[in-house]
Amino acid sequence: DKVGKGDRLAVLYTSSECDLEGIAADFAGVFRYGSRS
């Protein structure tokens, strides 16, 4: 998929007592970007 800066990539959900902000920051590393080729 082609994305632009600010496009929503995903939503994280939880009801547990976890560090959601820290998890979200780490989640950015899940994605790799490059050219169409």
PDB file of all heavy atoms in Angstrom:
ATOM      1  N   ASP A   1       0.831  -1.207   0.000  1.00  0.00           N
ATOM      2  CA  ASP A   1       0.000   0.000   0.000  1.00  0.00           C
ATOM      3  C   ASP A   1       0.865   1.256   0.000  1.00  0.00           C
ATOM      4  O   ASP A   1       1.889   1.332   0.687  1.00  0.00           O
ATOM      5  CB  ASP A   1      -0.910   0.037   1.235  1.00  0.00           C
ATOM      6  CG  ASP A   1      -2.044  -0.963   1.164  1.00  0.00           C
ATOM      7  OD1 ASP A   1      -2.244  -1.547   0.074  1.00  0.00           O
ATOM      8  OD2 ASP A   1      -2.724  -1.161   2.185  1.00  0.00           O
ATOM      9  N   LYS A   2       0.392   2.270  -0.734  1.00  0.00           N
ATOM     10  CA  LYS A   2       1.034   3.583  -0.705  1.00  0.00           C
ATOM     11  C   LYS A   2       0.428   4.389   0.433  1.00  0.00           C
ATOM     12  O   LYS A   2      -0.793   4.406   0.610  1.00  0.00           O
ATOM     13  CB  LYS A   2       0.825   4.309  -2.025  1.00  0.00           C
ATOM     14  CG  LYS A   2       1.529   5.667  -2.101  1.00  0.00           C
ATOM     15  CD  LYS A   2       1.305   6.332  -3.446  1.00  0.00           C
ATOM     16  CE  LYS A   2       2.043   7.664  -3.497  1.00  0.00           C
ATOM     17  NZ  LYS A   2       1.841   8.348  -4.805  1.00  0.00           N
ATOM     18  N   VAL A   3       1.276   5.032   1.223  1.00  0.00           N
ATOM     19  CA  VAL A   3       0.780   5.839   2.341  1.00  0.00           C
ATOM     20  C   VAL A   3       1.413   7.222   2.300  1.00  0.00           C
ATOM     21  O   VAL A   3       2.526   7.410   1.778  1.00  0.00           O
ATOM     22  CB  VAL A   3       1.072   5.174   3.710  1.00  0.00           C
ATOM     23  CG1 VAL A   3       0.351   3.855   3.827  1.00  0.00           C
ATOM     24  CG2 VAL A   3       2.561   4.999   3.940  1.00  0.00           C
ATOM     25  N   GLY A   4       0.684   8.174   2.849  1.00  0.00           N
ATOM     26  CA  GLY A   4       1.203   9.515   3.025  1.00  0.00           C
ATOM     27  C   GLY A   4       1.401   9.801   4.501  1.00  0.00           C
ATOM     28  O   GLY A   4       0.757   9.187   5.361  1.00  0.00           O
ATOM     29  N   LYS A   5       2.285  10.725   4.810  1.00  0.00           N
ATOM     30  CA  LYS A   5       2.535  11.084   6.198  1.00  0.00           C
ATOM     31  C   LYS A   5       1.221  11.509   6.853  1.00  0.00           C
ATOM     32  O   LYS A   5       0.486  12.335   6.313  1.00  0.00           O
ATOM     33  CB  LYS A   5       3.563  12.207   6.277  1.00  0.00           C
ATOM     34  CG  LYS A   5       3.970  12.550   7.698  1.00  0.00           C
ATOM     35  CD  LYS A   5       5.070  13.603   7.723  1.00  0.00           C
ATOM     36  CE  LYS A   5       5.475  13.921   9.156  1.00  0.00           C
ATOM     37  NZ  LYS A   5       6.568  14.947   9.203  1.00  0.00           N
ATOM     38  N   GLY A   6       0.914  10.914   7.998  1.00  0.00           N
ATOM     39  CA  GLY A   6      -0.324  11.226   8.699  1.00  0.00           C
ATOM     40  C   GLY A   6      -1.451  10.260   8.425  1.00  0.00           C
ATOM     41  O   GLY A   6      -2.494  10.304   9.101  1.00  0.00           O
ATOM     42  N   ASP A   7      -1.287   9.344   7.440  1.00  0.00           N
ATOM     43  CA  ASP A   7      -2.326   8.330   7.187  1.00  0.00           C
ATOM     44  C   ASP A   7      -2.355   7.327   8.337  1.00  0.00           C
ATOM     45  O   ASP A   7      -1.307   6.947   8.878  1.00  0.00           O
ATOM     46  CB  ASP A   7      -2.047   7.575   5.883  1.00  0.00           C
ATOM     47  CG  ASP A   7      -2.318   8.419   4.644  1.00  0.00           C
ATOM     48  OD1 ASP A   7      -2.927   9.492   4.785  1.00  0.00           O
ATOM     49  OD2 ASP A   7      -1.922   7.984   3.545  1.00  0.00           O
ATOM     50  N   ARG A   8      -3.564   6.888   8.688  1.00  0.00           N
ATOM     51  CA  ARG A   8      -3.660   5.894   9.760  1.00  0.00           C
ATOM     52  C   ARG A   8      -3.242   4.527   9.244  1.00  0.00           C
ATOM     53  O   ARG A   8      -3.716   4.068   8.211  1.00  0.00           O
ATOM     54  CB  ARG A   8      -5.083   5.834  10.309  1.00  0.00           C
ATOM     55  CG  ARG A   8      -5.155   5.106  11.656  1.00  0.00           C
ATOM     56  CD  ARG A   8      -6.516   5.190  12.297  1.00  0.00           C
ATOM     57  NE  ARG A   8      -7.434   4.192  11.719  1.00  0.00           N
ATOM     58  CZ  ARG A   8      -8.641   3.939  12.197  1.00  0.00           C
ATOM     59  NH1 ARG A   8      -9.084   4.622  13.244  1.00  0.00           N
ATOM     60  NH2 ARG A   8      -9.409   3.028  11.630  1.00  0.00           N
ATOM     61  N   LEU A   9      -2.367   3.869  10.014  1.00  0.00           N
ATOM     62  CA  LEU A   9      -1.848   2.545   9.648  1.00  0.00           C
ATOM     63  C   LEU A   9      -2.544   1.423  10.398  1.00  0.00           C
ATOM     64  O   LEU A   9      -2.757   0.337   9.845  1.00  0.00           O
ATOM     65  CB  LEU A   9      -0.346   2.466   9.941  1.00  0.00           C
ATOM     66  CG  LEU A   9       0.555   3.465   9.228  1.00  0.00           C
ATOM     67  CD1 LEU A   9       1.985   3.305   9.728  1.00  0.00           C
ATOM     68  CD2 LEU A   9       0.489   3.276   7.721  1.00  0.00           C
ATOM     69  N   ALA A  10      -2.878   1.672  11.664  1.00  0.00           N
ATOM     70  CA  ALA A  10      -3.439   0.615  12.502  1.00  0.00           C
ATOM     71  C   ALA A  10      -4.013   1.219  13.773  1.00  0.00           C
ATOM     72  O   ALA A  10      -3.785   2.397  14.078  1.00  0.00           O
ATOM     73  CB  ALA A  10      -2.361  -0.411  12.855  1.00  0.00           C
ATOM     74  N   VAL A  11      -4.765   0.370  14.494  1.00  0.00           N
ATOM     75  CA  VAL A  11      -5.279   0.766  15.806  1.00  0.00           C
ATOM     76  C   VAL A  11      -4.930  -0.332  16.800  1.00  0.00           C
ATOM     77  O   VAL A  11      -5.142  -1.525  16.520  1.00  0.00           O
ATOM     78  CB  VAL A  11      -6.814   0.979  15.787  1.00  0.00           C
ATOM     79  CG1 VAL A  11      -7.289   1.455  17.158  1.00  0.00           C
ATOM     80  CG2 VAL A  11      -7.224   1.968  14.702  1.00  0.00           C
ATOM     81  N   LEU A  12      -4.374   0.068  17.956  1.00  0.00           N
ATOM     82  CA  LEU A  12      -4.055  -0.856  19.038  1.00  0.00           C
ATOM     83  C   LEU A  12      -5.188  -0.812  20.064  1.00  0.00           C
ATOM     84  O   LEU A  12      -5.690   0.264  20.395  1.00  0.00           O
ATOM     85  CB  LEU A  12      -2.744  -0.462  19.723  1.00  0.00           C
ATOM     86  CG  LEU A  12      -1.522  -0.197  18.835  1.00  0.00           C
ATOM     87  CD1 LEU A  12      -0.309   0.111  19.710  1.00  0.00           C
ATOM     88  CD2 LEU A  12      -1.245  -1.361  17.921  1.00  0.00           C
ATOM     89  N   TYR A  13      -5.568  -1.990  20.572  1.00  0.00           N
ATOM     90  CA  TYR A  13      -6.650  -2.086  21.555  1.00  0.00           C
ATOM     91  C   TYR A  13      -6.167  -2.851  22.781  1.00  0.00           C
ATOM     92  O   TYR A  13      -5.422  -3.826  22.661  1.00  0.00           O
ATOM     93  CB  TYR A  13      -7.850  -2.834  20.967  1.00  0.00           C
ATOM     94  CG  TYR A  13      -8.495  -2.170  19.779  1.00  0.00           C
ATOM     95  CD1 TYR A  13      -8.135  -2.526  18.481  1.00  0.00           C
ATOM     96  CD2 TYR A  13      -9.477  -1.197  19.952  1.00  0.00           C
ATOM     97  CE1 TYR A  13      -8.737  -1.929  17.382  1.00  0.00           C
ATOM     98  CE2 TYR A  13     -10.087  -0.592  18.863  1.00  0.00           C
ATOM     99  CZ  TYR A  13      -9.715  -0.964  17.583  1.00  0.00           C
ATOM    100  OH  TYR A  13     -10.314  -0.367  16.500  1.00  0.00           O
ATOM    101  N   THR A  14      -6.627  -2.426  23.965  1.00  0.00           N
ATOM    102  CA  THR A  14      -6.297  -3.162  25.182  1.00  0.00           C
ATOM    103  C   THR A  14      -7.233  -2.780  26.317  1.00  0.00           C
ATOM    104  O   THR A  14      -7.797  -1.675  26.322  1.00  0.00           O
ATOM    105  CB  THR A  14      -4.843  -2.902  25.619  1.00  0.00           C
ATOM    106  OG1 THR A  14      -4.511  -3.761  26.701  1.00  0.00           O
ATOM    107  CG2 THR A  14      -4.634  -1.461  26.048  1.00  0.00           C
ATOM    108  N   SER A  15      -7.405  -3.694  27.247  1.00  0.00           N
ATOM    109  CA  SER A  15      -8.077  -3.403  28.513  1.00  0.00           C
ATOM    110  C   SER A  15      -7.141  -3.688  29.682  1.00  0.00           C
ATOM    111  O   SER A  15      -7.552  -3.602  30.837  1.00  0.00           O
ATOM    112  CB  SER A  15      -9.350  -4.252  28.655  1.00  0.00           C
ATOM    113  OG  SER A  15     -10.299  -3.920  27.661  1.00  0.00           O
ATOM    114  N   SER A  16      -5.902  -4.036  29.380  1.00  0.00           N
ATOM    115  CA  SER A  16      -4.944  -4.387  30.430  1.00  0.00           C
ATOM    116  C   SER A  16      -4.168  -3.152  30.884  1.00  0.00           C
ATOM    117  O   SER A  16      -4.145  -2.118  30.199  1.00  0.00           O
ATOM    118  CB  SER A  16      -3.978  -5.467  29.935  1.00  0.00           C
ATOM    119  OG  SER A  16      -3.174  -4.966  28.894  1.00  0.00           O
ATOM    120  N   GLU A  17      -3.531  -3.287  32.038  1.00  0.00           N
ATOM    121  CA  GLU A  17      -2.720  -2.183  32.581  1.00  0.00           C
ATOM    122  C   GLU A  17      -1.324  -2.235  31.966  1.00  0.00           C
ATOM    123  O   GLU A  17      -0.363  -2.672  32.585  1.00  0.00           O
ATOM    124  CB  GLU A  17      -2.649  -2.309  34.112  1.00  0.00           C
ATOM    125  CG  GLU A  17      -3.978  -2.145  34.812  1.00  0.00           C
ATOM    126  CD  GLU A  17      -4.578  -0.758  34.611  1.00  0.00           C
ATOM    127  OE1 GLU A  17      -3.798   0.219  34.570  1.00  0.00           O
ATOM    128  OE2 GLU A  17      -5.807  -0.652  34.487  1.00  0.00           O
ATOM    129  N   CYS A  18      -1.236  -1.809  30.725  1.00  0.00           N
ATOM    130  CA  CYS A  18       0.060  -1.826  30.028  1.00  0.00           C
ATOM    131  C   CYS A  18       0.436  -0.391  29.653  1.00  0.00           C
ATOM    132  O   CYS A  18      -0.391   0.524  29.692  1.00  0.00           O
ATOM    133  CB  CYS A  18      -0.014  -2.709  28.786  1.00  0.00           C
ATOM    134  SG  CYS A  18      -1.233  -2.169  27.565  1.00  0.00           S
ATOM    135  N   ASP A  19       1.683  -0.210  29.279  1.00  0.00           N
ATOM    136  CA  ASP A  19       2.180   1.097  28.842  1.00  0.00           C
ATOM    137  C   ASP A  19       1.813   1.291  27.369  1.00  0.00           C
ATOM    138  O   ASP A  19       2.611   1.034  26.474  1.00  0.00           O
ATOM    139  CB  ASP A  19       3.697   1.165  29.042  1.00  0.00           C
ATOM    140  CG  ASP A  19       4.296   2.479  28.559  1.00  0.00           C
ATOM    141  OD1 ASP A  19       3.528   3.424  28.278  1.00  0.00           O
ATOM    142  OD2 ASP A  19       5.534   2.547  28.438  1.00  0.00           O
ATOM    143  N   LEU A  20       0.588   1.756  27.135  1.00  0.00           N
ATOM    144  CA  LEU A  20       0.087   1.850  25.770  1.00  0.00           C
ATOM    145  C   LEU A  20       0.889   2.839  24.937  1.00  0.00           C
ATOM    146  O   LEU A  20       1.147   2.585  23.741  1.00  0.00           O
ATOM    147  CB  LEU A  20      -1.400   2.239  25.783  1.00  0.00           C
ATOM    148  CG  LEU A  20      -2.137   2.209  24.443  1.00  0.00           C
ATOM    149  CD1 LEU A  20      -1.993   0.846  23.767  1.00  0.00           C
ATOM    150  CD2 LEU A  20      -3.615   2.559  24.629  1.00  0.00           C
ATOM    151  N   GLU A  21       1.313   3.943  25.525  1.00  0.00           N
ATOM    152  CA  GLU A  21       2.097   4.933  24.778  1.00  0.00           C
ATOM    153  C   GLU A  21       3.453   4.353  24.374  1.00  0.00           C
ATOM    154  O   GLU A  21       3.916   4.549  23.250  1.00  0.00           O
ATOM    155  CB  GLU A  21       2.287   6.205  25.611  1.00  0.00           C
ATOM    156  CG  GLU A  21       1.010   6.981  25.877  1.00  0.00           C
ATOM    157  CD  GLU A  21       0.344   7.476  24.604  1.00  0.00           C
ATOM    158  OE1 GLU A  21       1.076   7.869  23.674  1.00  0.00           O
ATOM    159  OE2 GLU A  21      -0.900   7.462  24.537  1.00  0.00           O
ATOM    160  N   GLY A  22       4.088   3.633  25.289  1.00  0.00           N
ATOM    161  CA  GLY A  22       5.373   3.014  24.968  1.00  0.00           C
ATOM    162  C   GLY A  22       5.242   1.933  23.922  1.00  0.00           C
ATOM    163  O   GLY A  22       6.088   1.804  23.019  1.00  0.00           O
ATOM    164  N   ILE A  23       4.173   1.151  24.023  1.00  0.00           N
ATOM    165  CA  ILE A  23       3.921   0.107  23.030  1.00  0.00           C
ATOM    166  C   ILE A  23       3.695   0.726  21.654  1.00  0.00           C
ATOM    167  O   ILE A  23       4.212   0.239  20.644  1.00  0.00           O
ATOM    168  CB  ILE A  23       2.710  -0.756  23.452  1.00  0.00           C
ATOM    169  CG1 ILE A  23       3.048  -1.571  24.699  1.00  0.00           C
ATOM    170  CG2 ILE A  23       2.278  -1.687  22.321  1.00  0.00           C
ATOM    171  CD1 ILE A  23       1.858  -2.279  25.312  1.00  0.00           C
ATOM    172  N   ALA A  24       2.922   1.824  21.620  1.00  0.00           N
ATOM    173  CA  ALA A  24       2.644   2.498  20.352  1.00  0.00           C
ATOM    174  C   ALA A  24       3.935   3.021  19.721  1.00  0.00           C
ATOM    175  O   ALA A  24       4.115   2.940  18.492  1.00  0.00           O
ATOM    176  CB  ALA A  24       1.659   3.639  20.576  1.00  0.00           C
ATOM    177  N   ALA A  25       4.815   3.547  20.536  1.00  0.00           N
ATOM    178  CA  ALA A  25       6.098   4.044  20.016  1.00  0.00           C
ATOM    179  C   ALA A  25       6.909   2.899  19.416  1.00  0.00           C
ATOM    180  O   ALA A  25       7.515   3.043  18.343  1.00  0.00           O
ATOM    181  CB  ALA A  25       6.876   4.731  21.131  1.00  0.00           C
ATOM    182  N   ASP A  26       6.902   1.749  20.077  1.00  0.00           N
ATOM    183  CA  ASP A  26       7.634   0.588  19.557  1.00  0.00           C
ATOM    184  C   ASP A  26       6.976   0.015  18.307  1.00  0.00           C
ATOM    185  O   ASP A  26       7.657  -0.534  17.439  1.00  0.00           O
ATOM    186  CB  ASP A  26       7.715  -0.504  20.628  1.00  0.00           C
ATOM    187  CG  ASP A  26       8.603  -0.115  21.793  1.00  0.00           C
ATOM    188  OD1 ASP A  26       9.415   0.823  21.633  1.00  0.00           O
ATOM    189  OD2 ASP A  26       8.473  -0.723  22.866  1.00  0.00           O
ATOM    190  N   PHE A  27       5.654   0.164  18.218  1.00  0.00           N
ATOM    191  CA  PHE A  27       4.926  -0.410  17.087  1.00  0.00           C
ATOM    192  C   PHE A  27       5.323   0.230  15.763  1.00  0.00           C
ATOM    193  O   PHE A  27       5.208  -0.396  14.706  1.00  0.00           O
ATOM    194  CB  PHE A  27       3.421  -0.256  17.312  1.00  0.00           C
ATOM    195  CG  PHE A  27       2.570  -0.986  16.309  1.00  0.00           C
ATOM    196  CD1 PHE A  27       2.555  -2.379  16.266  1.00  0.00           C
ATOM    197  CD2 PHE A  27       1.786  -0.308  15.393  1.00  0.00           C
ATOM    198  CE1 PHE A  27       1.777  -3.067  15.353  1.00  0.00           C
ATOM    199  CE2 PHE A  27       0.998  -0.974  14.470  1.00  0.00           C
ATOM    200  CZ  PHE A  27       0.988  -2.357  14.451  1.00  0.00           C
ATOM    201  N   ALA A  28       5.808   1.458  15.805  1.00  0.00           N
ATOM    202  CA  ALA A  28       6.242   2.119  14.565  1.00  0.00           C
ATOM    203  C   ALA A  28       7.320   1.307  13.860  1.00  0.00           C
ATOM    204  O   ALA A  28       7.420   1.324  12.629  1.00  0.00           O
ATOM    205  CB  ALA A  28       6.751   3.525  14.872  1.00  0.00           C
ATOM    206  N   GLY A  29       8.110   0.549  14.634  1.00  0.00           N
ATOM    207  CA  GLY A  29       9.178  -0.249  14.041  1.00  0.00           C
ATOM    208  C   GLY A  29       8.704  -1.505  13.346  1.00  0.00           C
ATOM    209  O   GLY A  29       9.506  -2.223  12.728  1.00  0.00           O
ATOM    210  N   VAL A  30       7.415  -1.793  13.418  1.00  0.00           N
ATOM    211  CA  VAL A  30       6.847  -2.959  12.736  1.00  0.00           C
ATOM    212  C   VAL A  30       6.864  -2.775  11.222  1.00  0.00           C
ATOM    213  O   VAL A  30       7.003  -3.731  10.458  1.00  0.00           O
ATOM    214  CB  VAL A  30       5.406  -3.209  13.251  1.00  0.00           C
ATOM    215  CG1 VAL A  30       4.615  -4.099  12.291  1.00  0.00           C
ATOM    216  CG2 VAL A  30       5.444  -3.808  14.643  1.00  0.00           C
ATOM    217  N   PHE A  31       6.732  -1.512  10.778  1.00  0.00           N
ATOM    218  CA  PHE A  31       6.598  -1.218   9.343  1.00  0.00           C
ATOM    219  C   PHE A  31       7.943  -0.909   8.702  1.00  0.00           C
ATOM    220  O   PHE A  31       8.794  -0.248   9.286  1.00  0.00           O
ATOM    221  CB  PHE A  31       5.667  -0.014   9.140  1.00  0.00           C
ATOM    222  CG  PHE A  31       4.259  -0.250   9.610  1.00  0.00           C
ATOM    223  CD1 PHE A  31       3.885   0.074  10.906  1.00  0.00           C
ATOM    224  CD2 PHE A  31       3.313  -0.796   8.755  1.00  0.00           C
ATOM    225  CE1 PHE A  31       2.597  -0.146  11.349  1.00  0.00           C
ATOM    226  CE2 PHE A  31       2.019  -1.018   9.191  1.00  0.00           C
ATOM    227  CZ  PHE A  31       1.657  -0.690  10.488  1.00  0.00           C
ATOM    228  N   ARG A  32       8.103  -1.389   7.459  1.00  0.00           N
ATOM    229  CA  ARG A  32       9.245  -1.011   6.625  1.00  0.00           C
ATOM    230  C   ARG A  32       8.713  -0.265   5.409  1.00  0.00           C
ATOM    231  O   ARG A  32       7.659  -0.611   4.851  1.00  0.00           O
ATOM    232  CB  ARG A  32      10.037  -2.239   6.171  1.00  0.00           C
ATOM    233  CG  ARG A  32      10.699  -2.990   7.307  1.00  0.00           C
ATOM    234  CD  ARG A  32      11.710  -4.022   6.778  1.00  0.00           C
ATOM    235  NE  ARG A  32      11.085  -5.000   5.903  1.00  0.00           N
ATOM    236  CZ  ARG A  32      10.479  -6.104   6.326  1.00  0.00           C
ATOM    237  NH1 ARG A  32      10.388  -6.351   7.622  1.00  0.00           N
ATOM    238  NH2 ARG A  32       9.956  -6.960   5.473  1.00  0.00           N
ATOM    239  N   TYR A  33       9.465   0.756   4.960  1.00  0.00           N
ATOM    240  CA  TYR A  33       9.024   1.588   3.848  1.00  0.00           C
ATOM    241  C   TYR A  33      10.059   1.570   2.735  1.00  0.00           C
ATOM    242  O   TYR A  33      11.243   1.306   2.947  1.00  0.00           O
ATOM    243  CB  TYR A  33       8.814   3.032   4.319  1.00  0.00           C
ATOM    244  CG  TYR A  33       7.763   3.197   5.384  1.00  0.00           C
ATOM    245  CD1 TYR A  33       8.105   3.120   6.741  1.00  0.00           C
ATOM    246  CD2 TYR A  33       6.438   3.440   5.049  1.00  0.00           C
ATOM    247  CE1 TYR A  33       7.144   3.279   7.729  1.00  0.00           C
ATOM    248  CE2 TYR A  33       5.468   3.597   6.025  1.00  0.00           C
ATOM    249  CZ  TYR A  33       5.832   3.517   7.370  1.00  0.00           C
ATOM    250  OH  TYR A  33       4.881   3.674   8.345  1.00  0.00           O
ATOM    251  N   GLY A  34       9.605   1.890   1.538  1.00  0.00           N
ATOM    252  CA  GLY A  34      10.497   1.978   0.397  1.00  0.00           C
ATOM    253  C   GLY A  34       9.737   2.410  -0.834  1.00  0.00           C
ATOM    254  O   GLY A  34       8.631   2.961  -0.747  1.00  0.00           O
ATOM    255  N   SER A  35      10.310   2.133  -1.983  1.00  0.00           N
ATOM    256  CA  SER A  35       9.673   2.486  -3.253  1.00  0.00           C
ATOM    257  C   SER A  35       8.754   1.358  -3.697  1.00  0.00           C
ATOM    258  O   SER A  35       8.789   0.257  -3.153  1.00  0.00           O
ATOM    259  CB  SER A  35      10.730   2.735  -4.319  1.00  0.00           C
ATOM    260  OG  SER A  35      11.457   1.536  -4.555  1.00  0.00           O
ATOM    261  N   ARG A  36       7.939   1.641  -4.696  1.00  0.00           N
ATOM    262  CA  ARG A  36       7.035   0.610  -5.208  1.00  0.00           C
ATOM    263  C   ARG A  36       7.814  -0.620  -5.665  1.00  0.00           C
ATOM    264  O   ARG A  36       7.390  -1.758  -5.469  1.00  0.00           O
ATOM    265  CB  ARG A  36       6.210   1.160  -6.373  1.00  0.00           C
ATOM    266  CG  ARG A  36       5.217   0.130  -6.945  1.00  0.00           C
ATOM    267  CD  ARG A  36       4.552   0.654  -8.220  1.00  0.00           C
ATOM    268  NE  ARG A  36       3.680   1.771  -7.964  1.00  0.00           N
ATOM    269  CZ  ARG A  36       2.417   1.672  -7.574  1.00  0.00           C
ATOM    270  NH1 ARG A  36       1.885   0.481  -7.368  1.00  0.00           N
ATOM    271  NH2 ARG A  36       1.683   2.745  -7.387  1.00  0.00           N
ATOM    272  N   SER A  37       8.976  -0.410  -6.259  1.00  0.00           N
ATOM    273  CA  SER A  37       9.768  -1.524  -6.789  1.00  0.00           C
ATOM    274  C   SER A  37      10.286  -2.433  -5.678  1.00  0.00           C
ATOM    275  O   SER A  37      10.649  -3.578  -5.921  1.00  0.00           O
ATOM    276  CB  SER A  37      10.948  -0.999  -7.622  1.00  0.00           C
ATOM    277  OG  SER A  37      11.807  -0.207  -6.817  1.00  0.00           O
TER     278      SER A  37
END
